[in-house]
């Protein structure tokens, strides 16, 4: 058996190459060597691949991209809490505990800057920077849990009002975060109002646990439909992934004292929106969730996902040798859920 490590590297803006990254490094004290089994892709990975000015960090030469990954422990260093064969998920940053987003450091996140990411067969990592994967999930499912899942968990569970049984939430689209939010809320006993651009995707949202379905292409002023679905009150929490001018609809869809959790700007639209009056007179909170969340939150979600047997939908699965094709597929993703690469 070869002791080498193959990795995809960014050779130049927009171009990936598969390279021999040298021998597998032995773990030192409180380190683990992880055999990566699956990697999920995020829009941020494209920004890094393209050396986009919209990602504010310069990357080293031959950077290994991607921040999400799941695998098994191949070897452990002295004093490690893990054992060989344990199924784990990579914690890609140094935000380990607490709720203060200042603990998230962009320049200490893997797959960018000076720190190689998960798109490699083996990864040497700190003992406290991995957490247990749900036994109920495949590696392909588990690798989506941190960025997509924890972002949804953070949005729903941290802030007031928070997700609770008998409450209600609004999700947008059928991307990774929204699919997790639907499943989490439904498992918690909350009512989910889901919006999407197509009736076909709304049917998938329904299968994931959404109760009220709104096609925003057919109903541009969809906040009116949200109010109808909630007896005129609005939802407790909006998981806002689109941004732009549509943000006003999200604010209107939240109840008095409700919360709009902003986690994305998929529209690419920075149109100024008059939010002061609906926020002020509705006593509503606009909260930004950046950096996905802490390892502590991830551990909470992992246990919740195992208890409730959550299974995030996967849009496409690529083989390791097809990682460059997977990245290109991400540019035009129109399916439901995440793109995953088997390692």
C-alpha atoms as a PDB file:
ATOM      1  CA  UNK A   1       0.000   0.000   0.000  1.00  0.00           C
ATOM      2  CA  UNK A   2       1.332   3.447  -0.903  1.00  0.00           C
ATOM      3  CA  UNK A   3       2.196   5.807   1.940  1.00  0.00           C
ATOM      4  CA  UNK A   4       1.811   8.909  -0.221  1.00  0.00           C
ATOM      5  CA  UNK A   5      -0.939  11.502  -0.087  1.00  0.00           C
ATOM      6  CA  UNK A   6      -2.683  12.747  -3.211  1.00  0.00           C
ATOM      7  CA  UNK A   7      -4.219  16.196  -3.136  1.00  0.00           C
ATOM      8  CA  UNK A   8      -5.944  18.622  -5.462  1.00  0.00           C
ATOM      9  CA  UNK A   9      -4.127  21.949  -5.591  1.00  0.00           C
ATOM     10  CA  UNK A  10      -4.957  25.360  -7.035  1.00  0.00           C
ATOM     11  CA  UNK A  11      -2.360  25.709  -9.796  1.00  0.00           C
ATOM     12  CA  UNK A  12      -3.629  29.078 -11.022  1.00  0.00           C
ATOM     13  CA  UNK A  13      -6.886  31.038 -10.763  1.00  0.00           C
ATOM     14  CA  UNK A  14      -9.706  28.715 -11.791  1.00  0.00           C
ATOM     15  CA  UNK A  15      -7.441  25.700 -12.405  1.00  0.00           C
ATOM     16  CA  UNK A  16      -7.072  22.598 -10.209  1.00  0.00           C
ATOM     17  CA  UNK A  17      -4.429  19.885 -10.602  1.00  0.00           C
ATOM     18  CA  UNK A  18      -4.179  16.486  -8.897  1.00  0.00           C
ATOM     19  CA  UNK A  19      -0.720  16.159  -7.358  1.00  0.00           C
ATOM     20  CA  UNK A  20       1.380  13.911  -5.147  1.00  0.00           C
ATOM     21  CA  UNK A  21       1.544  15.839  -1.874  1.00  0.00           C
ATOM     22  CA  UNK A  22       4.343  13.700  -0.439  1.00  0.00           C
ATOM     23  CA  UNK A  23       4.347  11.076   2.315  1.00  0.00           C
ATOM     24  CA  UNK A  24       1.643  10.999   4.943  1.00  0.00           C
ATOM     25  CA  UNK A  25       2.886  12.947   7.964  1.00  0.00           C
ATOM     26  CA  UNK A  26       2.922  11.121  11.321  1.00  0.00           C
ATOM     27  CA  UNK A  27       0.778  12.763  14.012  1.00  0.00           C
ATOM     28  CA  UNK A  28       2.566  14.512  16.855  1.00  0.00           C
ATOM     29  CA  UNK A  29       1.265  14.926  20.408  1.00  0.00           C
ATOM     30  CA  UNK A  30      -2.467  15.750  20.451  1.00  0.00           C
ATOM     31  CA  UNK A  31      -2.732  15.372  16.688  1.00  0.00           C
ATOM     32  CA  UNK A  32      -4.599  12.946  14.430  1.00  0.00           C
ATOM     33  CA  UNK A  33      -4.107  11.781  10.863  1.00  0.00           C
ATOM     34  CA  UNK A  34      -7.525  11.727   9.185  1.00  0.00           C
ATOM     35  CA  UNK A  35      -8.252   9.568   6.148  1.00  0.00           C
ATOM     36  CA  UNK A  36     -10.694  11.822   4.331  1.00  0.00           C
ATOM     37  CA  UNK A  37     -13.643   9.948   2.833  1.00  0.00           C
ATOM     38  CA  UNK A  38     -15.883  12.726   1.523  1.00  0.00           C
ATOM     39  CA  UNK A  39     -15.726  16.474   0.890  1.00  0.00           C
ATOM     40  CA  UNK A  40     -18.661  18.814   0.282  1.00  0.00           C
ATOM     41  CA  UNK A  41     -18.352  21.984  -1.752  1.00  0.00           C
ATOM     42  CA  UNK A  42     -19.333  25.521  -0.808  1.00  0.00           C
ATOM     43  CA  UNK A  43     -19.556  28.738  -2.816  1.00  0.00           C
ATOM     44  CA  UNK A  44     -16.603  29.976  -0.787  1.00  0.00           C
ATOM     45  CA  UNK A  45     -14.471  27.246  -2.396  1.00  0.00           C
ATOM     46  CA  UNK A  46     -15.131  28.786  -5.817  1.00  0.00           C
ATOM     47  CA  UNK A  47     -14.077  32.213  -4.557  1.00  0.00           C
ATOM     48  CA  UNK A  48     -10.801  30.710  -3.351  1.00  0.00           C
ATOM     49  CA  UNK A  49     -10.277  28.704  -6.548  1.00  0.00           C
ATOM     50  CA  UNK A  50     -10.811  31.792  -8.684  1.00  0.00           C
ATOM     51  CA  UNK A  51      -8.695  34.041  -6.423  1.00  0.00           C
ATOM     52  CA  UNK A  52     -11.760  36.266  -6.331  1.00  0.00           C
ATOM     53  CA  UNK A  53     -11.397  39.777  -4.890  1.00  0.00           C
ATOM     54  CA  UNK A  54     -14.625  39.017  -3.010  1.00  0.00           C
ATOM     55  CA  UNK A  55     -12.645  36.715  -0.699  1.00  0.00           C
ATOM     56  CA  UNK A  56     -10.342  38.994   1.304  1.00  0.00           C
ATOM     57  CA  UNK A  57      -7.359  36.646   1.796  1.00  0.00           C
ATOM     58  CA  UNK A  58      -4.464  35.891  -0.541  1.00  0.00           C
ATOM     59  CA  UNK A  59      -3.615  32.215  -0.923  1.00  0.00           C
ATOM     60  CA  UNK A  60      -0.269  30.449  -0.872  1.00  0.00           C
ATOM     61  CA  UNK A  61       0.942  28.661  -3.997  1.00  0.00           C
ATOM     62  CA  UNK A  62      -0.435  25.140  -4.540  1.00  0.00           C
ATOM     63  CA  UNK A  63      -3.224  25.646  -2.006  1.00  0.00           C
ATOM     64  CA  UNK A  64      -5.385  22.579  -1.270  1.00  0.00           C
ATOM     65  CA  UNK A  65      -8.968  23.952  -1.298  1.00  0.00           C
ATOM     66  CA  UNK A  66     -12.208  23.134   0.570  1.00  0.00           C
ATOM     67  CA  UNK A  67     -13.192  23.396   4.218  1.00  0.00           C
ATOM     68  CA  UNK A  68     -15.774  20.616   4.690  1.00  0.00           C
ATOM     69  CA  UNK A  69     -14.745  17.003   5.111  1.00  0.00           C
ATOM     70  CA  UNK A  70     -15.521  13.757   6.914  1.00  0.00           C
ATOM     71  CA  UNK A  71     -13.438  10.633   7.339  1.00  0.00           C
ATOM     72  CA  UNK A  72     -11.903   8.247   9.827  1.00  0.00           C
ATOM     73  CA  UNK A  73      -8.923   8.401  12.134  1.00  0.00           C
ATOM     74  CA  UNK A  74      -5.931   6.687  10.499  1.00  0.00           C
ATOM     75  CA  UNK A  75      -3.367   7.339  13.238  1.00  0.00           C
ATOM     76  CA  UNK A  76      -3.196   9.190  16.559  1.00  0.00           C
ATOM     77  CA  UNK A  77      -0.455  11.044  18.376  1.00  0.00           C
ATOM     78  CA  UNK A  78       0.453  10.840  22.031  1.00  0.00           C
ATOM     79  CA  UNK A  79      -2.314  12.050  24.345  1.00  0.00           C
ATOM     80  CA  UNK A  80      -5.051  12.000  21.695  1.00  0.00           C
ATOM     81  CA  UNK A  81      -8.643  11.505  22.829  1.00  0.00           C
ATOM     82  CA  UNK A  82      -9.423   9.616  19.605  1.00  0.00           C
ATOM     83  CA  UNK A  83      -8.726   6.069  18.464  1.00  0.00           C
ATOM     84  CA  UNK A  84      -7.955   4.583  15.064  1.00  0.00           C
ATOM     85  CA  UNK A  85     -11.161   3.982  13.106  1.00  0.00           C
ATOM     86  CA  UNK A  86     -13.252   6.701  14.765  1.00  0.00           C
ATOM     87  CA  UNK A  87     -15.583   8.447  12.287  1.00  0.00           C
ATOM     88  CA  UNK A  88     -15.070  12.212  12.476  1.00  0.00           C
ATOM     89  CA  UNK A  89     -15.913  15.526  10.836  1.00  0.00           C
ATOM     90  CA  UNK A  90     -13.311  18.243  10.352  1.00  0.00           C
ATOM     91  CA  UNK A  91     -13.711  21.459  12.361  1.00  0.00           C
ATOM     92  CA  UNK A  92     -12.250  23.871   9.791  1.00  0.00           C
ATOM     93  CA  UNK A  93     -11.554  26.869  12.020  1.00  0.00           C
ATOM     94  CA  UNK A  94     -10.522  27.848  15.548  1.00  0.00           C
ATOM     95  CA  UNK A  95     -13.996  28.782  16.813  1.00  0.00           C
ATOM     96  CA  UNK A  96     -14.328  25.975  19.345  1.00  0.00           C
ATOM     97  CA  UNK A  97     -16.709  27.206  22.063  1.00  0.00           C
ATOM     98  CA  UNK A  98     -19.167  29.955  22.879  1.00  0.00           C
ATOM     99  CA  UNK A  99     -21.385  32.175  20.781  1.00  0.00           C
ATOM    100  CA  UNK A 100     -19.151  35.205  20.238  1.00  0.00           C
ATOM    101  CA  UNK A 101     -18.406  35.444  16.486  1.00  0.00           C
ATOM    102  CA  UNK A 102     -15.170  37.258  17.327  1.00  0.00           C
ATOM    103  CA  UNK A 103     -13.829  33.776  18.091  1.00  0.00           C
ATOM    104  CA  UNK A 104     -14.058  33.065  14.354  1.00  0.00           C
ATOM    105  CA  UNK A 105     -10.852  34.048  12.555  1.00  0.00           C
ATOM    106  CA  UNK A 106     -11.096  34.103   8.766  1.00  0.00           C
ATOM    107  CA  UNK A 107      -7.327  33.782   8.334  1.00  0.00           C
ATOM    108  CA  UNK A 108      -7.288  30.645  10.512  1.00  0.00           C
ATOM    109  CA  UNK A 109      -9.822  28.752   8.386  1.00  0.00           C
ATOM    110  CA  UNK A 110      -8.616  25.893   6.194  1.00  0.00           C
ATOM    111  CA  UNK A 111      -8.677  25.825   2.414  1.00  0.00           C
ATOM    112  CA  UNK A 112      -7.571  29.450   2.130  1.00  0.00           C
ATOM    113  CA  UNK A 113      -4.662  31.688   2.998  1.00  0.00           C
ATOM    114  CA  UNK A 114      -1.807  29.539   4.299  1.00  0.00           C
ATOM    115  CA  UNK A 115      -3.739  26.480   5.540  1.00  0.00           C
ATOM    116  CA  UNK A 116      -4.484  23.548   3.237  1.00  0.00           C
ATOM    117  CA  UNK A 117      -8.045  22.259   3.109  1.00  0.00           C
ATOM    118  CA  UNK A 118      -9.827  18.928   2.884  1.00  0.00           C
ATOM    119  CA  UNK A 119      -9.537  18.074  -0.823  1.00  0.00           C
ATOM    120  CA  UNK A 120      -6.792  15.534  -0.141  1.00  0.00           C
ATOM    121  CA  UNK A 121      -6.680  11.886   0.862  1.00  0.00           C
ATOM    122  CA  UNK A 122      -4.994  12.374   4.237  1.00  0.00           C
ATOM    123  CA  UNK A 123      -4.984  15.333   6.581  1.00  0.00           C
ATOM    124  CA  UNK A 124      -2.907  15.970   9.695  1.00  0.00           C
ATOM    125  CA  UNK A 125      -5.024  17.914  12.145  1.00  0.00           C
ATOM    126  CA  UNK A 126      -5.196  18.987  15.766  1.00  0.00           C
ATOM    127  CA  UNK A 127      -6.889  16.612  18.178  1.00  0.00           C
ATOM    128  CA  UNK A 128      -9.461  19.229  19.228  1.00  0.00           C
ATOM    129  CA  UNK A 129     -10.327  20.241  15.658  1.00  0.00           C
ATOM    130  CA  UNK A 130     -12.418  17.177  14.803  1.00  0.00           C
ATOM    131  CA  UNK A 131     -15.737  16.000  16.243  1.00  0.00           C
ATOM    132  CA  UNK A 132     -17.781  12.803  16.110  1.00  0.00           C
ATOM    133  CA  UNK A 133     -19.764  12.116  12.946  1.00  0.00           C
ATOM    134  CA  UNK A 134     -23.342  10.874  13.437  1.00  0.00           C
ATOM    135  CA  UNK A 135     -23.440   7.075  13.238  1.00  0.00           C
ATOM    136  CA  UNK A 136     -26.657   7.386  11.233  1.00  0.00           C
ATOM    137  CA  UNK A 137     -25.007   9.348   8.409  1.00  0.00           C
ATOM    138  CA  UNK A 138     -22.839   8.159   5.542  1.00  0.00           C
ATOM    139  CA  UNK A 139     -19.542   9.974   5.006  1.00  0.00           C
ATOM    140  CA  UNK A 140     -21.140  11.711   2.014  1.00  0.00           C
ATOM    141  CA  UNK A 141     -23.875  13.063   4.267  1.00  0.00           C
ATOM    142  CA  UNK A 142     -21.635  13.806   7.247  1.00  0.00           C
ATOM    143  CA  UNK A 143     -19.253  15.993   5.251  1.00  0.00           C
ATOM    144  CA  UNK A 144     -22.098  18.488   4.723  1.00  0.00           C
ATOM    145  CA  UNK A 145     -22.840  18.860   8.427  1.00  0.00           C
ATOM    146  CA  UNK A 146     -20.442  21.628   9.412  1.00  0.00           C
ATOM    147  CA  UNK A 147     -20.891  24.518   6.995  1.00  0.00           C
ATOM    148  CA  UNK A 148     -24.476  23.885   5.856  1.00  0.00           C
ATOM    149  CA  UNK A 149     -25.788  22.185   8.974  1.00  0.00           C
ATOM    150  CA  UNK A 150     -24.169  24.290  11.671  1.00  0.00           C
ATOM    151  CA  UNK A 151     -25.092  27.492   9.839  1.00  0.00           C
ATOM    152  CA  UNK A 152     -28.737  26.381   9.971  1.00  0.00           C
ATOM    153  CA  UNK A 153     -28.382  25.324  13.630  1.00  0.00           C
ATOM    154  CA  UNK A 154     -26.785  28.647  14.584  1.00  0.00           C
ATOM    155  CA  UNK A 155     -29.512  30.567  12.724  1.00  0.00           C
ATOM    156  CA  UNK A 156     -32.357  28.695  14.387  1.00  0.00           C
ATOM    157  CA  UNK A 157     -31.062  28.039  17.890  1.00  0.00           C
ATOM    158  CA  UNK A 158     -28.940  31.059  18.777  1.00  0.00           C
ATOM    159  CA  UNK A 159     -30.792  34.351  19.074  1.00  0.00           C
ATOM    160  CA  UNK A 160     -34.255  35.398  20.231  1.00  0.00           C
ATOM    161  CA  UNK A 161     -36.780  34.181  19.438  1.00  0.00           C
ATOM    162  CA  UNK A 162     -35.232  30.764  18.854  1.00  0.00           C
ATOM    163  CA  UNK A 163     -36.596  27.615  17.268  1.00  0.00           C
ATOM    164  CA  UNK A 164     -38.870  25.642  19.550  1.00  0.00           C
ATOM    165  CA  UNK A 165     -41.659  23.084  19.365  1.00  0.00           C
ATOM    166  CA  UNK A 166     -44.927  24.718  18.331  1.00  0.00           C
ATOM    167  CA  UNK A 167     -43.166  27.664  16.712  1.00  0.00           C
ATOM    168  CA  UNK A 168     -42.703  28.383  13.034  1.00  0.00           C
ATOM    169  CA  UNK A 169     -39.882  29.324  10.676  1.00  0.00           C
ATOM    170  CA  UNK A 170     -39.393  30.394   7.073  1.00  0.00           C
ATOM    171  CA  UNK A 171     -36.778  28.929   4.725  1.00  0.00           C
ATOM    172  CA  UNK A 172     -35.737  30.033   1.243  1.00  0.00           C
ATOM    173  CA  UNK A 173     -34.800  27.686  -1.577  1.00  0.00           C
ATOM    174  CA  UNK A 174     -33.447  24.146  -1.393  1.00  0.00           C
ATOM    175  CA  UNK A 175     -29.727  24.680  -0.921  1.00  0.00           C
ATOM    176  CA  UNK A 176     -27.702  22.968   1.769  1.00  0.00           C
ATOM    177  CA  UNK A 177     -28.483  25.374   4.618  1.00  0.00           C
ATOM    178  CA  UNK A 178     -32.201  25.576   3.837  1.00  0.00           C
ATOM    179  CA  UNK A 179     -32.564  21.788   3.615  1.00  0.00           C
ATOM    180  CA  UNK A 180     -30.916  21.393   7.011  1.00  0.00           C
ATOM    181  CA  UNK A 181     -33.110  24.154   8.467  1.00  0.00           C
ATOM    182  CA  UNK A 182     -36.280  22.420   7.258  1.00  0.00           C
ATOM    183  CA  UNK A 183     -35.245  19.071   8.721  1.00  0.00           C
ATOM    184  CA  UNK A 184     -34.066  20.525  12.037  1.00  0.00           C
ATOM    185  CA  UNK A 185     -37.230  22.588  12.527  1.00  0.00           C
ATOM    186  CA  UNK A 186     -39.556  19.744  11.578  1.00  0.00           C
ATOM    187  CA  UNK A 187     -37.740  17.369  13.949  1.00  0.00           C
ATOM    188  CA  UNK A 188     -38.061  19.965  16.712  1.00  0.00           C
ATOM    189  CA  UNK A 189     -41.836  20.113  16.217  1.00  0.00           C
ATOM    190  CA  UNK A 190     -42.010  23.512  14.530  1.00  0.00           C
ATOM    191  CA  UNK A 191     -44.023  24.444  11.442  1.00  0.00           C
ATOM    192  CA  UNK A 192     -41.959  25.242   8.342  1.00  0.00           C
ATOM    193  CA  UNK A 193     -42.973  27.675   5.606  1.00  0.00           C
ATOM    194  CA  UNK A 194     -40.744  27.089   2.568  1.00  0.00           C
ATOM    195  CA  UNK A 195     -40.245  29.268  -0.492  1.00  0.00           C
ATOM    196  CA  UNK A 196     -38.628  28.192  -3.757  1.00  0.00           C
ATOM    197  CA  UNK A 197     -38.520  29.046  -7.440  1.00  0.00           C
ATOM    198  CA  UNK A 198     -40.185  25.833  -8.630  1.00  0.00           C
ATOM    199  CA  UNK A 199     -43.028  23.554  -7.618  1.00  0.00           C
ATOM    200  CA  UNK A 200     -40.746  20.532  -8.081  1.00  0.00           C
ATOM    201  CA  UNK A 201     -38.285  21.803  -5.484  1.00  0.00           C
ATOM    202  CA  UNK A 202     -41.140  22.691  -3.159  1.00  0.00           C
ATOM    203  CA  UNK A 203     -42.276  19.063  -3.283  1.00  0.00           C
ATOM    204  CA  UNK A 204     -38.821  18.050  -2.074  1.00  0.00           C
ATOM    205  CA  UNK A 205     -39.059  20.649   0.697  1.00  0.00           C
ATOM    206  CA  UNK A 206     -42.379  19.062   1.655  1.00  0.00           C
ATOM    207  CA  UNK A 207     -40.751  15.626   1.879  1.00  0.00           C
ATOM    208  CA  UNK A 208     -38.075  17.116   4.154  1.00  0.00           C
ATOM    209  CA  UNK A 209     -40.763  18.413   6.516  1.00  0.00           C
ATOM    210  CA  UNK A 210     -42.095  21.746   5.206  1.00  0.00           C
ATOM    211  CA  UNK A 211     -45.846  22.277   5.679  1.00  0.00           C
ATOM    212  CA  UNK A 212     -46.604  25.488   3.765  1.00  0.00           C
ATOM    213  CA  UNK A 213     -45.134  25.900   0.261  1.00  0.00           C
ATOM    214  CA  UNK A 214     -44.770  29.171  -1.666  1.00  0.00           C
ATOM    215  CA  UNK A 215     -43.461  29.556  -5.221  1.00  0.00           C
ATOM    216  CA  UNK A 216     -41.928  33.024  -5.171  1.00  0.00           C
ATOM    217  CA  UNK A 217     -41.845  33.262  -8.962  1.00  0.00           C
ATOM    218  CA  UNK A 218     -45.617  32.929  -9.025  1.00  0.00           C
ATOM    219  CA  UNK A 219     -46.026  35.117  -5.927  1.00  0.00           C
ATOM    220  CA  UNK A 220     -43.380  37.895  -5.894  1.00  0.00           C
ATOM    221  CA  UNK A 221     -44.912  39.483  -2.774  1.00  0.00           C
ATOM    222  CA  UNK A 222     -44.647  36.173  -0.947  1.00  0.00           C
ATOM    223  CA  UNK A 223     -44.647  37.699   2.536  1.00  0.00           C
ATOM    224  CA  UNK A 224     -48.426  38.095   2.138  1.00  0.00           C
ATOM    225  CA  UNK A 225     -48.724  34.317   1.711  1.00  0.00           C
ATOM    226  CA  UNK A 226     -46.533  33.739   4.769  1.00  0.00           C
ATOM    227  CA  UNK A 227     -48.887  35.866   6.850  1.00  0.00           C
ATOM    228  CA  UNK A 228     -51.877  33.906   5.537  1.00  0.00           C
ATOM    229  CA  UNK A 229     -50.179  30.631   6.500  1.00  0.00           C
ATOM    230  CA  UNK A 230     -49.524  31.867  10.046  1.00  0.00           C
ATOM    231  CA  UNK A 231     -52.932  33.358  10.875  1.00  0.00           C
ATOM    232  CA  UNK A 232     -51.719  36.856  10.099  1.00  0.00           C
ATOM    233  CA  UNK A 233     -48.891  36.782  12.643  1.00  0.00           C
ATOM    234  CA  UNK A 234     -45.730  35.892  10.700  1.00  0.00           C
ATOM    235  CA  UNK A 235     -42.942  33.466  11.578  1.00  0.00           C
ATOM    236  CA  UNK A 236     -40.633  33.413  14.587  1.00  0.00           C
ATOM    237  CA  UNK A 237     -37.426  33.066  12.554  1.00  0.00           C
ATOM    238  CA  UNK A 238     -36.568  33.667   8.899  1.00  0.00           C
ATOM    239  CA  UNK A 239     -33.485  31.869   7.553  1.00  0.00           C
ATOM    240  CA  UNK A 240     -32.511  34.472   4.959  1.00  0.00           C
ATOM    241  CA  UNK A 241     -30.159  33.211   2.236  1.00  0.00           C
ATOM    242  CA  UNK A 242     -31.031  35.453  -0.725  1.00  0.00           C
ATOM    243  CA  UNK A 243     -30.540  39.048   0.400  1.00  0.00           C
ATOM    244  CA  UNK A 244     -30.903  42.045  -1.857  1.00  0.00           C
ATOM    245  CA  UNK A 245     -34.253  43.710  -2.439  1.00  0.00           C
ATOM    246  CA  UNK A 246     -36.035  40.538  -1.316  1.00  0.00           C
ATOM    247  CA  UNK A 247     -34.875  41.149   2.235  1.00  0.00           C
ATOM    248  CA  UNK A 248     -37.883  43.417   2.711  1.00  0.00           C
ATOM    249  CA  UNK A 249     -40.198  40.442   2.123  1.00  0.00           C
ATOM    250  CA  UNK A 250     -38.334  38.512   4.814  1.00  0.00           C
ATOM    251  CA  UNK A 251     -38.721  41.330   7.326  1.00  0.00           C
ATOM    252  CA  UNK A 252     -42.436  41.592   6.559  1.00  0.00           C
ATOM    253  CA  UNK A 253     -42.803  37.805   6.935  1.00  0.00           C
ATOM    254  CA  UNK A 254     -41.427  37.821  10.492  1.00  0.00           C
ATOM    255  CA  UNK A 255     -43.851  38.224  13.385  1.00  0.00           C
ATOM    256  CA  UNK A 256     -43.835  41.119  15.849  1.00  0.00           C
ATOM    257  CA  UNK A 257     -40.641  40.588  17.830  1.00  0.00           C
ATOM    258  CA  UNK A 258     -39.410  38.053  15.270  1.00  0.00           C
ATOM    259  CA  UNK A 259     -35.888  37.514  13.979  1.00  0.00           C
ATOM    260  CA  UNK A 260     -34.399  37.506  10.485  1.00  0.00           C
ATOM    261  CA  UNK A 261     -31.183  35.494  10.417  1.00  0.00           C
ATOM    262  CA  UNK A 262     -29.091  36.570   7.420  1.00  0.00           C
ATOM    263  CA  UNK A 263     -26.667  33.899   6.258  1.00  0.00           C
ATOM    264  CA  UNK A 264     -26.273  34.547   2.523  1.00  0.00           C
ATOM    265  CA  UNK A 265     -26.604  36.873  -0.446  1.00  0.00           C
ATOM    266  CA  UNK A 266     -27.320  34.410  -3.233  1.00  0.00           C
ATOM    267  CA  UNK A 267     -29.077  37.080  -5.261  1.00  0.00           C
ATOM    268  CA  UNK A 268     -25.836  39.025  -5.618  1.00  0.00           C
ATOM    269  CA  UNK A 269     -28.090  42.056  -5.315  1.00  0.00           C
ATOM    270  CA  UNK A 270     -26.992  44.940  -3.104  1.00  0.00           C
ATOM    271  CA  UNK A 271     -29.995  47.152  -3.857  1.00  0.00           C
ATOM    272  CA  UNK A 272     -30.641  49.503  -0.916  1.00  0.00           C
ATOM    273  CA  UNK A 273     -33.786  48.479   0.945  1.00  0.00           C
ATOM    274  CA  UNK A 274     -35.808  50.644   3.344  1.00  0.00           C
ATOM    275  CA  UNK A 275     -35.830  48.417   6.440  1.00  0.00           C
ATOM    276  CA  UNK A 276     -35.842  50.888   9.312  1.00  0.00           C
ATOM    277  CA  UNK A 277     -39.601  51.285   9.707  1.00  0.00           C
ATOM    278  CA  UNK A 278     -40.621  47.595   9.402  1.00  0.00           C
ATOM    279  CA  UNK A 279     -37.826  46.582  11.779  1.00  0.00           C
ATOM    280  CA  UNK A 280     -38.498  49.328  14.306  1.00  0.00           C
ATOM    281  CA  UNK A 281     -42.292  49.191  14.376  1.00  0.00           C
ATOM    282  CA  UNK A 282     -42.248  45.397  14.297  1.00  0.00           C
ATOM    283  CA  UNK A 283     -39.680  45.163  17.120  1.00  0.00           C
ATOM    284  CA  UNK A 284     -37.801  42.767  14.844  1.00  0.00           C
ATOM    285  CA  UNK A 285     -34.165  41.701  14.980  1.00  0.00           C
ATOM    286  CA  UNK A 286     -31.876  41.470  11.957  1.00  0.00           C
ATOM    287  CA  UNK A 287     -29.056  39.062  12.822  1.00  0.00           C
ATOM    288  CA  UNK A 288     -26.057  38.121  10.658  1.00  0.00           C
ATOM    289  CA  UNK A 289     -24.638  34.605  11.051  1.00  0.00           C
ATOM    290  CA  UNK A 290     -21.076  34.469   9.733  1.00  0.00           C
ATOM    291  CA  UNK A 291     -18.508  31.702  10.036  1.00  0.00           C
ATOM    292  CA  UNK A 292     -21.039  28.834  10.321  1.00  0.00           C
ATOM    293  CA  UNK A 293     -20.609  28.380  14.085  1.00  0.00           C
ATOM    294  CA  UNK A 294     -18.484  26.889  16.831  1.00  0.00           C
ATOM    295  CA  UNK A 295     -17.347  23.301  17.340  1.00  0.00           C
ATOM    296  CA  UNK A 296     -19.621  23.294  20.389  1.00  0.00           C
ATOM    297  CA  UNK A 297     -22.607  24.011  18.120  1.00  0.00           C
ATOM    298  CA  UNK A 298     -21.421  21.335  15.699  1.00  0.00           C
ATOM    299  CA  UNK A 299     -21.325  18.718  18.457  1.00  0.00           C
ATOM    300  CA  UNK A 300     -24.884  19.690  19.449  1.00  0.00           C
ATOM    301  CA  UNK A 301     -26.091  19.299  15.877  1.00  0.00           C
ATOM    302  CA  UNK A 302     -24.255  16.006  15.377  1.00  0.00           C
ATOM    303  CA  UNK A 303     -26.029  14.515  18.405  1.00  0.00           C
ATOM    304  CA  UNK A 304     -29.380  15.975  17.251  1.00  0.00           C
ATOM    305  CA  UNK A 305     -28.885  14.597  13.731  1.00  0.00           C
ATOM    306  CA  UNK A 306     -28.153  11.136  15.103  1.00  0.00           C
ATOM    307  CA  UNK A 307     -31.131  11.212  17.473  1.00  0.00           C
ATOM    308  CA  UNK A 308     -33.576  12.322  14.779  1.00  0.00           C
ATOM    309  CA  UNK A 309     -31.950  10.427  11.895  1.00  0.00           C
ATOM    310  CA  UNK A 310     -31.452  13.482   9.704  1.00  0.00           C
ATOM    311  CA  UNK A 311     -30.326  12.747   6.150  1.00  0.00           C
ATOM    312  CA  UNK A 312     -29.358  15.860   4.156  1.00  0.00           C
ATOM    313  CA  UNK A 313     -30.103  15.608   0.428  1.00  0.00           C
ATOM    314  CA  UNK A 314     -27.125  15.340  -1.919  1.00  0.00           C
ATOM    315  CA  UNK A 315     -27.393  17.025  -5.324  1.00  0.00           C
ATOM    316  CA  UNK A 316     -24.477  15.207  -7.005  1.00  0.00           C
ATOM    317  CA  UNK A 317     -21.605  12.909  -6.023  1.00  0.00           C
ATOM    318  CA  UNK A 318     -18.265  12.925  -7.866  1.00  0.00           C
ATOM    319  CA  UNK A 319     -15.253  10.629  -7.595  1.00  0.00           C
ATOM    320  CA  UNK A 320     -12.000  12.055  -6.229  1.00  0.00           C
ATOM    321  CA  UNK A 321     -10.442  12.098  -9.699  1.00  0.00           C
ATOM    322  CA  UNK A 322     -13.354  14.269 -10.884  1.00  0.00           C
ATOM    323  CA  UNK A 323     -12.938  17.062  -8.329  1.00  0.00           C
ATOM    324  CA  UNK A 324     -12.288  19.636 -11.045  1.00  0.00           C
ATOM    325  CA  UNK A 325     -15.583  18.664 -12.707  1.00  0.00           C
ATOM    326  CA  UNK A 326     -17.336  18.921  -9.344  1.00  0.00           C
ATOM    327  CA  UNK A 327     -16.128  22.492  -8.951  1.00  0.00           C
ATOM    328  CA  UNK A 328     -17.458  23.377 -12.387  1.00  0.00           C
ATOM    329  CA  UNK A 329     -20.789  21.758 -11.515  1.00  0.00           C
ATOM    330  CA  UNK A 330     -20.972  23.987  -8.446  1.00  0.00           C
ATOM    331  CA  UNK A 331     -20.948  27.060 -10.700  1.00  0.00           C
ATOM    332  CA  UNK A 332     -24.264  26.057 -12.237  1.00  0.00           C
ATOM    333  CA  UNK A 333     -25.814  24.059  -9.385  1.00  0.00           C
ATOM    334  CA  UNK A 334     -29.573  23.907  -9.751  1.00  0.00           C
ATOM    335  CA  UNK A 335     -30.289  20.716  -7.835  1.00  0.00           C
ATOM    336  CA  UNK A 336     -31.336  20.172  -4.240  1.00  0.00           C
ATOM    337  CA  UNK A 337     -28.703  19.916  -1.528  1.00  0.00           C
ATOM    338  CA  UNK A 338     -24.922  19.745  -1.720  1.00  0.00           C
ATOM    339  CA  UNK A 339     -22.292  18.633  -4.225  1.00  0.00           C
ATOM    340  CA  UNK A 340     -20.039  15.983  -2.666  1.00  0.00           C
ATOM    341  CA  UNK A 341     -16.705  14.467  -3.698  1.00  0.00           C
ATOM    342  CA  UNK A 342     -15.855  10.925  -2.583  1.00  0.00           C
ATOM    343  CA  UNK A 343     -12.209  10.658  -1.563  1.00  0.00           C
END
